[in-house]
Amino acid sequence: DKNKMEKKYKDYIIDKISLDELLL
């Protein structure tokens, strides 16, 4: 849950994911 994690870890970078990155 990217949005939830952004609120919980405000000082961290959270990028969107591609299918390639998900697979890896």
PDBML (XML) file of the C-alpha atoms, coordinates in Angstrom:
<?xml version="1.0" encoding="UTF-8" ?>
<PDBx:datablock datablockName="MODEL"
   xmlns:PDBx="http://pdbml.pdb.org/schema/pdbx-v50.xsd"
   xmlns:xsi="http://www.w3.org/2001/XMLSchema-instance"
   xsi:schemaLocation="http://pdbml.pdb.org/schema/pdbx-v50.xsd pdbx-v50.xsd">
   <PDBx:atom_siteCategory>
      <PDBx:atom_site id="1">
         <PDBx:B_iso_or_equiv>0.00</PDBx:B_iso_or_equiv>
         <PDBx:Cartn_x>0.000</PDBx:Cartn_x>
         <PDBx:Cartn_y>0.000</PDBx:Cartn_y>
         <PDBx:Cartn_z>0.000</PDBx:Cartn_z>
         <PDBx:auth_asym_id>A</PDBx:auth_asym_id>
         <PDBx:auth_atom_id>CA</PDBx:auth_atom_id>
         <PDBx:auth_comp_id>ASP</PDBx:auth_comp_id>
         <PDBx:auth_seq_id>1</PDBx:auth_seq_id>
         <PDBx:group_PDB>ATOM</PDBx:group_PDB>
         <PDBx:label_alt_id xsi:nil="true" />
         <PDBx:label_asym_id>A</PDBx:label_asym_id>
         <PDBx:label_atom_id>CA</PDBx:label_atom_id>
         <PDBx:label_comp_id>ASP</PDBx:label_comp_id>
         <PDBx:label_entity_id>1</PDBx:label_entity_id>
         <PDBx:label_seq_id>1</PDBx:label_seq_id>
         <PDBx:occupancy>1.00</PDBx:occupancy>
         <PDBx:pdbx_PDB_model_num>1</PDBx:pdbx_PDB_model_num>
         <PDBx:type_symbol>C</PDBx:type_symbol>
      </PDBx:atom_site>
      <PDBx:atom_site id="2">
         <PDBx:B_iso_or_equiv>0.00</PDBx:B_iso_or_equiv>
         <PDBx:Cartn_x>2.128</PDBx:Cartn_x>
         <PDBx:Cartn_y>2.839</PDBx:Cartn_y>
         <PDBx:Cartn_z>-1.364</PDBx:Cartn_z>
         <PDBx:auth_asym_id>A</PDBx:auth_asym_id>
         <PDBx:auth_atom_id>CA</PDBx:auth_atom_id>
         <PDBx:auth_comp_id>LYS</PDBx:auth_comp_id>
         <PDBx:auth_seq_id>2</PDBx:auth_seq_id>
         <PDBx:group_PDB>ATOM</PDBx:group_PDB>
         <PDBx:label_alt_id xsi:nil="true" />
         <PDBx:label_asym_id>A</PDBx:label_asym_id>
         <PDBx:label_atom_id>CA</PDBx:label_atom_id>
         <PDBx:label_comp_id>LYS</PDBx:label_comp_id>
         <PDBx:label_entity_id>1</PDBx:label_entity_id>
         <PDBx:label_seq_id>2</PDBx:label_seq_id>
         <PDBx:occupancy>1.00</PDBx:occupancy>
         <PDBx:pdbx_PDB_model_num>1</PDBx:pdbx_PDB_model_num>
         <PDBx:type_symbol>C</PDBx:type_symbol>
      </PDBx:atom_site>
      <PDBx:atom_site id="3">
         <PDBx:B_iso_or_equiv>0.00</PDBx:B_iso_or_equiv>
         <PDBx:Cartn_x>-0.090</PDBx:Cartn_x>
         <PDBx:Cartn_y>5.656</PDBx:Cartn_y>
         <PDBx:Cartn_z>-0.088</PDBx:Cartn_z>
         <PDBx:auth_asym_id>A</PDBx:auth_asym_id>
         <PDBx:auth_atom_id>CA</PDBx:auth_atom_id>
         <PDBx:auth_comp_id>ASN</PDBx:auth_comp_id>
         <PDBx:auth_seq_id>3</PDBx:auth_seq_id>
         <PDBx:group_PDB>ATOM</PDBx:group_PDB>
         <PDBx:label_alt_id xsi:nil="true" />
         <PDBx:label_asym_id>A</PDBx:label_asym_id>
         <PDBx:label_atom_id>CA</PDBx:label_atom_id>
         <PDBx:label_comp_id>ASN</PDBx:label_comp_id>
         <PDBx:label_entity_id>1</PDBx:label_entity_id>
         <PDBx:label_seq_id>3</PDBx:label_seq_id>
         <PDBx:occupancy>1.00</PDBx:occupancy>
         <PDBx:pdbx_PDB_model_num>1</PDBx:pdbx_PDB_model_num>
         <PDBx:type_symbol>C</PDBx:type_symbol>
      </PDBx:atom_site>
      <PDBx:atom_site id="4">
         <PDBx:B_iso_or_equiv>0.00</PDBx:B_iso_or_equiv>
         <PDBx:Cartn_x>-0.302</PDBx:Cartn_x>
         <PDBx:Cartn_y>4.181</PDBx:Cartn_y>
         <PDBx:Cartn_z>3.401</PDBx:Cartn_z>
         <PDBx:auth_asym_id>A</PDBx:auth_asym_id>
         <PDBx:auth_atom_id>CA</PDBx:auth_atom_id>
         <PDBx:auth_comp_id>LYS</PDBx:auth_comp_id>
         <PDBx:auth_seq_id>4</PDBx:auth_seq_id>
         <PDBx:group_PDB>ATOM</PDBx:group_PDB>
         <PDBx:label_alt_id xsi:nil="true" />
         <PDBx:label_asym_id>A</PDBx:label_asym_id>
         <PDBx:label_atom_id>CA</PDBx:label_atom_id>
         <PDBx:label_comp_id>LYS</PDBx:label_comp_id>
         <PDBx:label_entity_id>1</PDBx:label_entity_id>
         <PDBx:label_seq_id>4</PDBx:label_seq_id>
         <PDBx:occupancy>1.00</PDBx:occupancy>
         <PDBx:pdbx_PDB_model_num>1</PDBx:pdbx_PDB_model_num>
         <PDBx:type_symbol>C</PDBx:type_symbol>
      </PDBx:atom_site>
      <PDBx:atom_site id="5">
         <PDBx:B_iso_or_equiv>0.00</PDBx:B_iso_or_equiv>
         <PDBx:Cartn_x>3.450</PDBx:Cartn_x>
         <PDBx:Cartn_y>3.666</PDBx:Cartn_y>
         <PDBx:Cartn_z>3.508</PDBx:Cartn_z>
         <PDBx:auth_asym_id>A</PDBx:auth_asym_id>
         <PDBx:auth_atom_id>CA</PDBx:auth_atom_id>
         <PDBx:auth_comp_id>MET</PDBx:auth_comp_id>
         <PDBx:auth_seq_id>5</PDBx:auth_seq_id>
         <PDBx:group_PDB>ATOM</PDBx:group_PDB>
         <PDBx:label_alt_id xsi:nil="true" />
         <PDBx:label_asym_id>A</PDBx:label_asym_id>
         <PDBx:label_atom_id>CA</PDBx:label_atom_id>
         <PDBx:label_comp_id>MET</PDBx:label_comp_id>
         <PDBx:label_entity_id>1</PDBx:label_entity_id>
         <PDBx:label_seq_id>5</PDBx:label_seq_id>
         <PDBx:occupancy>1.00</PDBx:occupancy>
         <PDBx:pdbx_PDB_model_num>1</PDBx:pdbx_PDB_model_num>
         <PDBx:type_symbol>C</PDBx:type_symbol>
      </PDBx:atom_site>
      <PDBx:atom_site id="6">
         <PDBx:B_iso_or_equiv>0.00</PDBx:B_iso_or_equiv>
         <PDBx:Cartn_x>4.093</PDBx:Cartn_x>
         <PDBx:Cartn_y>7.258</PDBx:Cartn_y>
         <PDBx:Cartn_z>2.393</PDBx:Cartn_z>
         <PDBx:auth_asym_id>A</PDBx:auth_asym_id>
         <PDBx:auth_atom_id>CA</PDBx:auth_atom_id>
         <PDBx:auth_comp_id>GLU</PDBx:auth_comp_id>
         <PDBx:auth_seq_id>6</PDBx:auth_seq_id>
         <PDBx:group_PDB>ATOM</PDBx:group_PDB>
         <PDBx:label_alt_id xsi:nil="true" />
         <PDBx:label_asym_id>A</PDBx:label_asym_id>
         <PDBx:label_atom_id>CA</PDBx:label_atom_id>
         <PDBx:label_comp_id>GLU</PDBx:label_comp_id>
         <PDBx:label_entity_id>1</PDBx:label_entity_id>
         <PDBx:label_seq_id>6</PDBx:label_seq_id>
         <PDBx:occupancy>1.00</PDBx:occupancy>
         <PDBx:pdbx_PDB_model_num>1</PDBx:pdbx_PDB_model_num>
         <PDBx:type_symbol>C</PDBx:type_symbol>
      </PDBx:atom_site>
      <PDBx:atom_site id="7">
         <PDBx:B_iso_or_equiv>0.00</PDBx:B_iso_or_equiv>
         <PDBx:Cartn_x>2.095</PDBx:Cartn_x>
         <PDBx:Cartn_y>8.494</PDBx:Cartn_y>
         <PDBx:Cartn_z>5.386</PDBx:Cartn_z>
         <PDBx:auth_asym_id>A</PDBx:auth_asym_id>
         <PDBx:auth_atom_id>CA</PDBx:auth_atom_id>
         <PDBx:auth_comp_id>LYS</PDBx:auth_comp_id>
         <PDBx:auth_seq_id>7</PDBx:auth_seq_id>
         <PDBx:group_PDB>ATOM</PDBx:group_PDB>
         <PDBx:label_alt_id xsi:nil="true" />
         <PDBx:label_asym_id>A</PDBx:label_asym_id>
         <PDBx:label_atom_id>CA</PDBx:label_atom_id>
         <PDBx:label_comp_id>LYS</PDBx:label_comp_id>
         <PDBx:label_entity_id>1</PDBx:label_entity_id>
         <PDBx:label_seq_id>7</PDBx:label_seq_id>
         <PDBx:occupancy>1.00</PDBx:occupancy>
         <PDBx:pdbx_PDB_model_num>1</PDBx:pdbx_PDB_model_num>
         <PDBx:type_symbol>C</PDBx:type_symbol>
      </PDBx:atom_site>
      <PDBx:atom_site id="8">
         <PDBx:B_iso_or_equiv>0.00</PDBx:B_iso_or_equiv>
         <PDBx:Cartn_x>3.797</PDBx:Cartn_x>
         <PDBx:Cartn_y>6.080</PDBx:Cartn_y>
         <PDBx:Cartn_z>7.771</PDBx:Cartn_z>
         <PDBx:auth_asym_id>A</PDBx:auth_asym_id>
         <PDBx:auth_atom_id>CA</PDBx:auth_atom_id>
         <PDBx:auth_comp_id>LYS</PDBx:auth_comp_id>
         <PDBx:auth_seq_id>8</PDBx:auth_seq_id>
         <PDBx:group_PDB>ATOM</PDBx:group_PDB>
         <PDBx:label_alt_id xsi:nil="true" />
         <PDBx:label_asym_id>A</PDBx:label_asym_id>
         <PDBx:label_atom_id>CA</PDBx:label_atom_id>
         <PDBx:label_comp_id>LYS</PDBx:label_comp_id>
         <PDBx:label_entity_id>1</PDBx:label_entity_id>
         <PDBx:label_seq_id>8</PDBx:label_seq_id>
         <PDBx:occupancy>1.00</PDBx:occupancy>
         <PDBx:pdbx_PDB_model_num>1</PDBx:pdbx_PDB_model_num>
         <PDBx:type_symbol>C</PDBx:type_symbol>
      </PDBx:atom_site>
      <PDBx:atom_site id="9">
         <PDBx:B_iso_or_equiv>0.00</PDBx:B_iso_or_equiv>
         <PDBx:Cartn_x>7.372</PDBx:Cartn_x>
         <PDBx:Cartn_y>6.600</PDBx:Cartn_y>
         <PDBx:Cartn_z>6.499</PDBx:Cartn_z>
         <PDBx:auth_asym_id>A</PDBx:auth_asym_id>
         <PDBx:auth_atom_id>CA</PDBx:auth_atom_id>
         <PDBx:auth_comp_id>TYR</PDBx:auth_comp_id>
         <PDBx:auth_seq_id>9</PDBx:auth_seq_id>
         <PDBx:group_PDB>ATOM</PDBx:group_PDB>
         <PDBx:label_alt_id xsi:nil="true" />
         <PDBx:label_asym_id>A</PDBx:label_asym_id>
         <PDBx:label_atom_id>CA</PDBx:label_atom_id>
         <PDBx:label_comp_id>TYR</PDBx:label_comp_id>
         <PDBx:label_entity_id>1</PDBx:label_entity_id>
         <PDBx:label_seq_id>9</PDBx:label_seq_id>
         <PDBx:occupancy>1.00</PDBx:occupancy>
         <PDBx:pdbx_PDB_model_num>1</PDBx:pdbx_PDB_model_num>
         <PDBx:type_symbol>C</PDBx:type_symbol>
      </PDBx:atom_site>
      <PDBx:atom_site id="10">
         <PDBx:B_iso_or_equiv>0.00</PDBx:B_iso_or_equiv>
         <PDBx:Cartn_x>7.352</PDBx:Cartn_x>
         <PDBx:Cartn_y>10.294</PDBx:Cartn_y>
         <PDBx:Cartn_z>5.562</PDBx:Cartn_z>
         <PDBx:auth_asym_id>A</PDBx:auth_asym_id>
         <PDBx:auth_atom_id>CA</PDBx:auth_atom_id>
         <PDBx:auth_comp_id>LYS</PDBx:auth_comp_id>
         <PDBx:auth_seq_id>10</PDBx:auth_seq_id>
         <PDBx:group_PDB>ATOM</PDBx:group_PDB>
         <PDBx:label_alt_id xsi:nil="true" />
         <PDBx:label_asym_id>A</PDBx:label_asym_id>
         <PDBx:label_atom_id>CA</PDBx:label_atom_id>
         <PDBx:label_comp_id>LYS</PDBx:label_comp_id>
         <PDBx:label_entity_id>1</PDBx:label_entity_id>
         <PDBx:label_seq_id>10</PDBx:label_seq_id>
         <PDBx:occupancy>1.00</PDBx:occupancy>
         <PDBx:pdbx_PDB_model_num>1</PDBx:pdbx_PDB_model_num>
         <PDBx:type_symbol>C</PDBx:type_symbol>
      </PDBx:atom_site>
      <PDBx:atom_site id="11">
         <PDBx:B_iso_or_equiv>0.00</PDBx:B_iso_or_equiv>
         <PDBx:Cartn_x>11.125</PDBx:Cartn_x>
         <PDBx:Cartn_y>10.625</PDBx:Cartn_y>
         <PDBx:Cartn_z>5.364</PDBx:Cartn_z>
         <PDBx:auth_asym_id>A</PDBx:auth_asym_id>
         <PDBx:auth_atom_id>CA</PDBx:auth_atom_id>
         <PDBx:auth_comp_id>ASP</PDBx:auth_comp_id>
         <PDBx:auth_seq_id>11</PDBx:auth_seq_id>
         <PDBx:group_PDB>ATOM</PDBx:group_PDB>
         <PDBx:label_alt_id xsi:nil="true" />
         <PDBx:label_asym_id>A</PDBx:label_asym_id>
         <PDBx:label_atom_id>CA</PDBx:label_atom_id>
         <PDBx:label_comp_id>ASP</PDBx:label_comp_id>
         <PDBx:label_entity_id>1</PDBx:label_entity_id>
         <PDBx:label_seq_id>11</PDBx:label_seq_id>
         <PDBx:occupancy>1.00</PDBx:occupancy>
         <PDBx:pdbx_PDB_model_num>1</PDBx:pdbx_PDB_model_num>
         <PDBx:type_symbol>C</PDBx:type_symbol>
      </PDBx:atom_site>
      <PDBx:atom_site id="12">
         <PDBx:B_iso_or_equiv>0.00</PDBx:B_iso_or_equiv>
         <PDBx:Cartn_x>11.583</PDBx:Cartn_x>
         <PDBx:Cartn_y>7.732</PDBx:Cartn_y>
         <PDBx:Cartn_z>2.926</PDBx:Cartn_z>
         <PDBx:auth_asym_id>A</PDBx:auth_asym_id>
         <PDBx:auth_atom_id>CA</PDBx:auth_atom_id>
         <PDBx:auth_comp_id>TYR</PDBx:auth_comp_id>
         <PDBx:auth_seq_id>12</PDBx:auth_seq_id>
         <PDBx:group_PDB>ATOM</PDBx:group_PDB>
         <PDBx:label_alt_id xsi:nil="true" />
         <PDBx:label_asym_id>A</PDBx:label_asym_id>
         <PDBx:label_atom_id>CA</PDBx:label_atom_id>
         <PDBx:label_comp_id>TYR</PDBx:label_comp_id>
         <PDBx:label_entity_id>1</PDBx:label_entity_id>
         <PDBx:label_seq_id>12</PDBx:label_seq_id>
         <PDBx:occupancy>1.00</PDBx:occupancy>
         <PDBx:pdbx_PDB_model_num>1</PDBx:pdbx_PDB_model_num>
         <PDBx:type_symbol>C</PDBx:type_symbol>
      </PDBx:atom_site>
      <PDBx:atom_site id="13">
         <PDBx:B_iso_or_equiv>0.00</PDBx:B_iso_or_equiv>
         <PDBx:Cartn_x>11.431</PDBx:Cartn_x>
         <PDBx:Cartn_y>7.578</PDBx:Cartn_y>
         <PDBx:Cartn_z>-0.836</PDBx:Cartn_z>
         <PDBx:auth_asym_id>A</PDBx:auth_asym_id>
         <PDBx:auth_atom_id>CA</PDBx:auth_atom_id>
         <PDBx:auth_comp_id>ILE</PDBx:auth_comp_id>
         <PDBx:auth_seq_id>13</PDBx:auth_seq_id>
         <PDBx:group_PDB>ATOM</PDBx:group_PDB>
         <PDBx:label_alt_id xsi:nil="true" />
         <PDBx:label_asym_id>A</PDBx:label_asym_id>
         <PDBx:label_atom_id>CA</PDBx:label_atom_id>
         <PDBx:label_comp_id>ILE</PDBx:label_comp_id>
         <PDBx:label_entity_id>1</PDBx:label_entity_id>
         <PDBx:label_seq_id>13</PDBx:label_seq_id>
         <PDBx:occupancy>1.00</PDBx:occupancy>
         <PDBx:pdbx_PDB_model_num>1</PDBx:pdbx_PDB_model_num>
         <PDBx:type_symbol>C</PDBx:type_symbol>
      </PDBx:atom_site>
      <PDBx:atom_site id="14">
         <PDBx:B_iso_or_equiv>0.00</PDBx:B_iso_or_equiv>
         <PDBx:Cartn_x>8.669</PDBx:Cartn_x>
         <PDBx:Cartn_y>5.285</PDBx:Cartn_y>
         <PDBx:Cartn_z>-2.112</PDBx:Cartn_z>
         <PDBx:auth_asym_id>A</PDBx:auth_asym_id>
         <PDBx:auth_atom_id>CA</PDBx:auth_atom_id>
         <PDBx:auth_comp_id>ILE</PDBx:auth_comp_id>
         <PDBx:auth_seq_id>14</PDBx:auth_seq_id>
         <PDBx:group_PDB>ATOM</PDBx:group_PDB>
         <PDBx:label_alt_id xsi:nil="true" />
         <PDBx:label_asym_id>A</PDBx:label_asym_id>
         <PDBx:label_atom_id>CA</PDBx:label_atom_id>
         <PDBx:label_comp_id>ILE</PDBx:label_comp_id>
         <PDBx:label_entity_id>1</PDBx:label_entity_id>
         <PDBx:label_seq_id>14</PDBx:label_seq_id>
         <PDBx:occupancy>1.00</PDBx:occupancy>
         <PDBx:pdbx_PDB_model_num>1</PDBx:pdbx_PDB_model_num>
         <PDBx:type_symbol>C</PDBx:type_symbol>
      </PDBx:atom_site>
      <PDBx:atom_site id="15">
         <PDBx:B_iso_or_equiv>0.00</PDBx:B_iso_or_equiv>
         <PDBx:Cartn_x>8.569</PDBx:Cartn_x>
         <PDBx:Cartn_y>4.905</PDBx:Cartn_y>
         <PDBx:Cartn_z>-5.906</PDBx:Cartn_z>
         <PDBx:auth_asym_id>A</PDBx:auth_asym_id>
         <PDBx:auth_atom_id>CA</PDBx:auth_atom_id>
         <PDBx:auth_comp_id>ASP</PDBx:auth_comp_id>
         <PDBx:auth_seq_id>15</PDBx:auth_seq_id>
         <PDBx:group_PDB>ATOM</PDBx:group_PDB>
         <PDBx:label_alt_id xsi:nil="true" />
         <PDBx:label_asym_id>A</PDBx:label_asym_id>
         <PDBx:label_atom_id>CA</PDBx:label_atom_id>
         <PDBx:label_comp_id>ASP</PDBx:label_comp_id>
         <PDBx:label_entity_id>1</PDBx:label_entity_id>
         <PDBx:label_seq_id>15</PDBx:label_seq_id>
         <PDBx:occupancy>1.00</PDBx:occupancy>
         <PDBx:pdbx_PDB_model_num>1</PDBx:pdbx_PDB_model_num>
         <PDBx:type_symbol>C</PDBx:type_symbol>
      </PDBx:atom_site>
      <PDBx:atom_site id="16">
         <PDBx:B_iso_or_equiv>0.00</PDBx:B_iso_or_equiv>
         <PDBx:Cartn_x>5.870</PDBx:Cartn_x>
         <PDBx:Cartn_y>3.463</PDBx:Cartn_y>
         <PDBx:Cartn_z>-8.134</PDBx:Cartn_z>
         <PDBx:auth_asym_id>A</PDBx:auth_asym_id>
         <PDBx:auth_atom_id>CA</PDBx:auth_atom_id>
         <PDBx:auth_comp_id>LYS</PDBx:auth_comp_id>
         <PDBx:auth_seq_id>16</PDBx:auth_seq_id>
         <PDBx:group_PDB>ATOM</PDBx:group_PDB>
         <PDBx:label_alt_id xsi:nil="true" />
         <PDBx:label_asym_id>A</PDBx:label_asym_id>
         <PDBx:label_atom_id>CA</PDBx:label_atom_id>
         <PDBx:label_comp_id>LYS</PDBx:label_comp_id>
         <PDBx:label_entity_id>1</PDBx:label_entity_id>
         <PDBx:label_seq_id>16</PDBx:label_seq_id>
         <PDBx:occupancy>1.00</PDBx:occupancy>
         <PDBx:pdbx_PDB_model_num>1</PDBx:pdbx_PDB_model_num>
         <PDBx:type_symbol>C</PDBx:type_symbol>
      </PDBx:atom_site>
      <PDBx:atom_site id="17">
         <PDBx:B_iso_or_equiv>0.00</PDBx:B_iso_or_equiv>
         <PDBx:Cartn_x>6.647</PDBx:Cartn_x>
         <PDBx:Cartn_y>-0.008</PDBx:Cartn_y>
         <PDBx:Cartn_z>-9.379</PDBx:Cartn_z>
         <PDBx:auth_asym_id>A</PDBx:auth_asym_id>
         <PDBx:auth_atom_id>CA</PDBx:auth_atom_id>
         <PDBx:auth_comp_id>ILE</PDBx:auth_comp_id>
         <PDBx:auth_seq_id>17</PDBx:auth_seq_id>
         <PDBx:group_PDB>ATOM</PDBx:group_PDB>
         <PDBx:label_alt_id xsi:nil="true" />
         <PDBx:label_asym_id>A</PDBx:label_asym_id>
         <PDBx:label_atom_id>CA</PDBx:label_atom_id>
         <PDBx:label_comp_id>ILE</PDBx:label_comp_id>
         <PDBx:label_entity_id>1</PDBx:label_entity_id>
         <PDBx:label_seq_id>17</PDBx:label_seq_id>
         <PDBx:occupancy>1.00</PDBx:occupancy>
         <PDBx:pdbx_PDB_model_num>1</PDBx:pdbx_PDB_model_num>
         <PDBx:type_symbol>C</PDBx:type_symbol>
      </PDBx:atom_site>
      <PDBx:atom_site id="18">
         <PDBx:B_iso_or_equiv>0.00</PDBx:B_iso_or_equiv>
         <PDBx:Cartn_x>6.903</PDBx:Cartn_x>
         <PDBx:Cartn_y>-1.518</PDBx:Cartn_y>
         <PDBx:Cartn_z>-12.846</PDBx:Cartn_z>
         <PDBx:auth_asym_id>A</PDBx:auth_asym_id>
         <PDBx:auth_atom_id>CA</PDBx:auth_atom_id>
         <PDBx:auth_comp_id>SER</PDBx:auth_comp_id>
         <PDBx:auth_seq_id>18</PDBx:auth_seq_id>
         <PDBx:group_PDB>ATOM</PDBx:group_PDB>
         <PDBx:label_alt_id xsi:nil="true" />
         <PDBx:label_asym_id>A</PDBx:label_asym_id>
         <PDBx:label_atom_id>CA</PDBx:label_atom_id>
         <PDBx:label_comp_id>SER</PDBx:label_comp_id>
         <PDBx:label_entity_id>1</PDBx:label_entity_id>
         <PDBx:label_seq_id>18</PDBx:label_seq_id>
         <PDBx:occupancy>1.00</PDBx:occupancy>
         <PDBx:pdbx_PDB_model_num>1</PDBx:pdbx_PDB_model_num>
         <PDBx:type_symbol>C</PDBx:type_symbol>
      </PDBx:atom_site>
      <PDBx:atom_site id="19">
         <PDBx:B_iso_or_equiv>0.00</PDBx:B_iso_or_equiv>
         <PDBx:Cartn_x>6.061</PDBx:Cartn_x>
         <PDBx:Cartn_y>-5.130</PDBx:Cartn_y>
         <PDBx:Cartn_z>-13.634</PDBx:Cartn_z>
         <PDBx:auth_asym_id>A</PDBx:auth_asym_id>
         <PDBx:auth_atom_id>CA</PDBx:auth_atom_id>
         <PDBx:auth_comp_id>LEU</PDBx:auth_comp_id>
         <PDBx:auth_seq_id>19</PDBx:auth_seq_id>
         <PDBx:group_PDB>ATOM</PDBx:group_PDB>
         <PDBx:label_alt_id xsi:nil="true" />
         <PDBx:label_asym_id>A</PDBx:label_asym_id>
         <PDBx:label_atom_id>CA</PDBx:label_atom_id>
         <PDBx:label_comp_id>LEU</PDBx:label_comp_id>
         <PDBx:label_entity_id>1</PDBx:label_entity_id>
         <PDBx:label_seq_id>19</PDBx:label_seq_id>
         <PDBx:occupancy>1.00</PDBx:occupancy>
         <PDBx:pdbx_PDB_model_num>1</PDBx:pdbx_PDB_model_num>
         <PDBx:type_symbol>C</PDBx:type_symbol>
      </PDBx:atom_site>
      <PDBx:atom_site id="20">
         <PDBx:B_iso_or_equiv>0.00</PDBx:B_iso_or_equiv>
         <PDBx:Cartn_x>9.776</PDBx:Cartn_x>
         <PDBx:Cartn_y>-5.767</PDBx:Cartn_y>
         <PDBx:Cartn_z>-14.265</PDBx:Cartn_z>
         <PDBx:auth_asym_id>A</PDBx:auth_asym_id>
         <PDBx:auth_atom_id>CA</PDBx:auth_atom_id>
         <PDBx:auth_comp_id>ASP</PDBx:auth_comp_id>
         <PDBx:auth_seq_id>20</PDBx:auth_seq_id>
         <PDBx:group_PDB>ATOM</PDBx:group_PDB>
         <PDBx:label_alt_id xsi:nil="true" />
         <PDBx:label_asym_id>A</PDBx:label_asym_id>
         <PDBx:label_atom_id>CA</PDBx:label_atom_id>
         <PDBx:label_comp_id>ASP</PDBx:label_comp_id>
         <PDBx:label_entity_id>1</PDBx:label_entity_id>
         <PDBx:label_seq_id>20</PDBx:label_seq_id>
         <PDBx:occupancy>1.00</PDBx:occupancy>
         <PDBx:pdbx_PDB_model_num>1</PDBx:pdbx_PDB_model_num>
         <PDBx:type_symbol>C</PDBx:type_symbol>
      </PDBx:atom_site>
      <PDBx:atom_site id="21">
         <PDBx:B_iso_or_equiv>0.00</PDBx:B_iso_or_equiv>
         <PDBx:Cartn_x>10.644</PDBx:Cartn_x>
         <PDBx:Cartn_y>-4.495</PDBx:Cartn_y>
         <PDBx:Cartn_z>-10.789</PDBx:Cartn_z>
         <PDBx:auth_asym_id>A</PDBx:auth_asym_id>
         <PDBx:auth_atom_id>CA</PDBx:auth_atom_id>
         <PDBx:auth_comp_id>GLU</PDBx:auth_comp_id>
         <PDBx:auth_seq_id>21</PDBx:auth_seq_id>
         <PDBx:group_PDB>ATOM</PDBx:group_PDB>
         <PDBx:label_alt_id xsi:nil="true" />
         <PDBx:label_asym_id>A</PDBx:label_asym_id>
         <PDBx:label_atom_id>CA</PDBx:label_atom_id>
         <PDBx:label_comp_id>GLU</PDBx:label_comp_id>
         <PDBx:label_entity_id>1</PDBx:label_entity_id>
         <PDBx:label_seq_id>21</PDBx:label_seq_id>
         <PDBx:occupancy>1.00</PDBx:occupancy>
         <PDBx:pdbx_PDB_model_num>1</PDBx:pdbx_PDB_model_num>
         <PDBx:type_symbol>C</PDBx:type_symbol>
      </PDBx:atom_site>
      <PDBx:atom_site id="22">
         <PDBx:B_iso_or_equiv>0.00</PDBx:B_iso_or_equiv>
         <PDBx:Cartn_x>7.800</PDBx:Cartn_x>
         <PDBx:Cartn_y>-6.465</PDBx:Cartn_y>
         <PDBx:Cartn_z>-9.232</PDBx:Cartn_z>
         <PDBx:auth_asym_id>A</PDBx:auth_asym_id>
         <PDBx:auth_atom_id>CA</PDBx:auth_atom_id>
         <PDBx:auth_comp_id>LEU</PDBx:auth_comp_id>
         <PDBx:auth_seq_id>22</PDBx:auth_seq_id>
         <PDBx:group_PDB>ATOM</PDBx:group_PDB>
         <PDBx:label_alt_id xsi:nil="true" />
         <PDBx:label_asym_id>A</PDBx:label_asym_id>
         <PDBx:label_atom_id>CA</PDBx:label_atom_id>
         <PDBx:label_comp_id>LEU</PDBx:label_comp_id>
         <PDBx:label_entity_id>1</PDBx:label_entity_id>
         <PDBx:label_seq_id>22</PDBx:label_seq_id>
         <PDBx:occupancy>1.00</PDBx:occupancy>
         <PDBx:pdbx_PDB_model_num>1</PDBx:pdbx_PDB_model_num>
         <PDBx:type_symbol>C</PDBx:type_symbol>
      </PDBx:atom_site>
      <PDBx:atom_site id="23">
         <PDBx:B_iso_or_equiv>0.00</PDBx:B_iso_or_equiv>
         <PDBx:Cartn_x>8.992</PDBx:Cartn_x>
         <PDBx:Cartn_y>-9.653</PDBx:Cartn_y>
         <PDBx:Cartn_z>-10.936</PDBx:Cartn_z>
         <PDBx:auth_asym_id>A</PDBx:auth_asym_id>
         <PDBx:auth_atom_id>CA</PDBx:auth_atom_id>
         <PDBx:auth_comp_id>LEU</PDBx:auth_comp_id>
         <PDBx:auth_seq_id>23</PDBx:auth_seq_id>
         <PDBx:group_PDB>ATOM</PDBx:group_PDB>
         <PDBx:label_alt_id xsi:nil="true" />
         <PDBx:label_asym_id>A</PDBx:label_asym_id>
         <PDBx:label_atom_id>CA</PDBx:label_atom_id>
         <PDBx:label_comp_id>LEU</PDBx:label_comp_id>
         <PDBx:label_entity_id>1</PDBx:label_entity_id>
         <PDBx:label_seq_id>23</PDBx:label_seq_id>
         <PDBx:occupancy>1.00</PDBx:occupancy>
         <PDBx:pdbx_PDB_model_num>1</PDBx:pdbx_PDB_model_num>
         <PDBx:type_symbol>C</PDBx:type_symbol>
      </PDBx:atom_site>
      <PDBx:atom_site id="24">
         <PDBx:B_iso_or_equiv>0.00</PDBx:B_iso_or_equiv>
         <PDBx:Cartn_x>12.566</PDBx:Cartn_x>
         <PDBx:Cartn_y>-9.068</PDBx:Cartn_y>
         <PDBx:Cartn_z>-9.800</PDBx:Cartn_z>
         <PDBx:auth_asym_id>A</PDBx:auth_asym_id>
         <PDBx:auth_atom_id>CA</PDBx:auth_atom_id>
         <PDBx:auth_comp_id>LEU</PDBx:auth_comp_id>
         <PDBx:auth_seq_id>24</PDBx:auth_seq_id>
         <PDBx:group_PDB>ATOM</PDBx:group_PDB>
         <PDBx:label_alt_id xsi:nil="true" />
         <PDBx:label_asym_id>A</PDBx:label_asym_id>
         <PDBx:label_atom_id>CA</PDBx:label_atom_id>
         <PDBx:label_comp_id>LEU</PDBx:label_comp_id>
         <PDBx:label_entity_id>1</PDBx:label_entity_id>
         <PDBx:label_seq_id>24</PDBx:label_seq_id>
         <PDBx:occupancy>1.00</PDBx:occupancy>
         <PDBx:pdbx_PDB_model_num>1</PDBx:pdbx_PDB_model_num>
         <PDBx:type_symbol>C</PDBx:type_symbol>
      </PDBx:atom_site>
   </PDBx:atom_siteCategory>
</PDBx:datablock>
